[in-house]
Protein backbone atom coordinates (compact mmCIF):
# COMPACT_ATOMS: atom_id res chain seq x y z
CA MET A 1 157.36 87.03 131.35
CA ASP A 2 161.12 86.83 130.85
CA LEU A 3 162.36 83.48 132.19
CA GLU A 4 165.96 84.70 132.09
CA SER A 5 165.34 87.84 134.17
CA ALA A 6 167.04 88.30 137.51
CA ALA A 7 163.66 88.45 139.26
CA PHE A 8 162.60 85.07 137.89
CA GLN A 9 165.97 83.52 138.73
CA ASP A 10 165.59 84.79 142.30
CA TYR A 11 162.08 83.32 142.42
CA LYS A 12 163.41 79.92 141.25
CA LEU A 13 165.98 79.94 144.04
CA GLN A 14 163.34 80.87 146.63
CA ARG A 15 160.95 78.22 145.25
CA ARG A 16 163.51 75.46 145.88
CA GLN A 17 164.04 76.69 149.44
CA TRP A 18 160.28 76.94 150.05
CA ARG A 19 159.82 73.32 148.96
CA ALA A 20 162.40 72.11 151.44
CA THR A 21 161.16 74.23 154.37
CA ASP A 22 157.40 74.04 153.99
CA GLU A 23 155.69 75.44 157.07
CA TYR A 24 152.35 73.91 156.08
CA LYS A 25 153.10 70.19 156.25
CA ASN A 26 149.67 69.36 157.63
CA PRO A 27 147.00 71.50 155.91
CA GLY A 28 144.15 69.86 157.84
CA PRO A 29 142.13 71.38 160.67
CA ILE A 30 143.81 73.30 163.48
CA GLN A 31 145.94 70.93 165.51
CA PHE A 32 145.77 71.31 169.29
CA THR A 33 148.58 68.86 169.93
CA HIS A 34 152.13 69.21 168.78
CA HIS A 35 154.30 66.20 167.99
CA GLU A 36 157.71 67.64 167.25
CA THR A 37 159.11 64.24 166.25
CA ILE A 38 156.44 63.71 163.57
CA ASP A 39 156.83 67.27 162.28
CA ARG A 40 160.60 66.86 162.02
CA GLU A 41 160.25 63.52 160.17
CA CYS A 42 157.84 65.06 157.63
CA SER A 43 160.09 68.07 157.08
CA ASP A 44 163.17 65.87 156.57
CA THR A 45 161.29 63.62 154.14
CA TYR A 46 160.09 66.58 152.06
CA GLY A 47 163.55 68.10 152.04
CA HIS A 48 165.16 64.86 150.80
CA MET A 49 162.44 64.37 148.19
CA PHE A 50 162.93 67.79 146.60
CA THR A 51 166.72 67.69 146.86
CA GLU A 52 166.74 64.33 145.08
CA THR A 53 164.35 65.66 142.41
CA ASP A 54 166.61 68.66 141.78
CA ASN A 55 169.64 66.35 141.50
CA LEU A 56 167.85 64.07 139.02
CA THR A 57 166.68 67.04 136.96
CA ALA A 58 170.23 68.42 136.83
CA GLU A 59 171.58 65.03 135.74
CA ILE A 60 168.97 64.71 132.97
CA THR A 61 169.73 68.23 131.77
CA GLY A 62 173.44 67.45 131.72
CA LEU A 63 172.88 64.29 129.68
CA CYS A 64 170.69 66.16 127.19
CA ASN A 65 173.34 68.86 126.79
CA SER A 66 176.03 66.21 126.31
CA ILE A 67 173.96 64.42 123.66
CA GLN A 68 173.32 67.72 121.91
CA ASN A 69 177.06 68.47 121.80
CA ASP A 70 177.88 64.95 120.60
CA VAL A 71 175.42 65.00 117.71
CA LEU A 72 176.64 68.32 116.31
CA PHE A 73 179.70 66.73 114.74
CA SER A 74 178.66 63.10 114.35
CA GLU A 75 179.36 61.38 111.06
CA HIS A 76 177.45 58.25 112.05
CA ARG A 77 173.81 58.71 111.07
CA HIS A 78 172.80 55.33 112.53
CA LEU A 79 173.93 56.49 115.99
CA LEU A 80 171.85 59.66 115.65
CA VAL A 81 168.78 57.62 114.67
CA ALA A 82 169.28 55.32 117.68
CA ALA A 83 169.70 58.28 120.05
CA LEU A 84 166.60 59.98 118.65
CA SER A 85 164.55 56.80 119.01
CA SER A 86 165.65 56.37 122.64
CA LEU A 87 164.86 59.98 123.49
CA LYS A 88 161.39 59.73 121.92
CA SER A 89 160.70 56.57 123.93
CA ALA A 90 161.82 58.25 127.16
CA LYS A 91 159.57 61.24 126.39
CA GLN A 92 156.58 58.94 125.80
CA VAL A 93 157.18 57.17 129.12
CA ILE A 94 157.43 60.48 131.00
CA ASN A 95 154.24 61.77 129.36
CA ALA A 96 152.35 58.56 130.16
CA LEU A 97 153.45 58.58 133.80
CA SER A 98 152.64 62.26 134.27
CA GLN A 99 149.07 61.70 133.01
CA SER A 100 148.34 58.87 135.44
């Protein structure tokens, strides 16, 4: 599977839209009553949650790219060691939280 292909890029765009406009908010048994207010609140909450996640992911990616550019020409080894240590710690925290 080519992750850079146009088809996969289109899928990624659709996936973000599907997250925000999920038509299956309540996957339980068939509902015979309809509470439009509750449905709208759930949809808005899901939309905000995924939008915020995408924003955070973009910010993290930007920081990683900036760090990568900064370390290419650094003459200060001690700063590189500190940055590497911080990144390893962040990775360990993310891994621990994702397993729980």
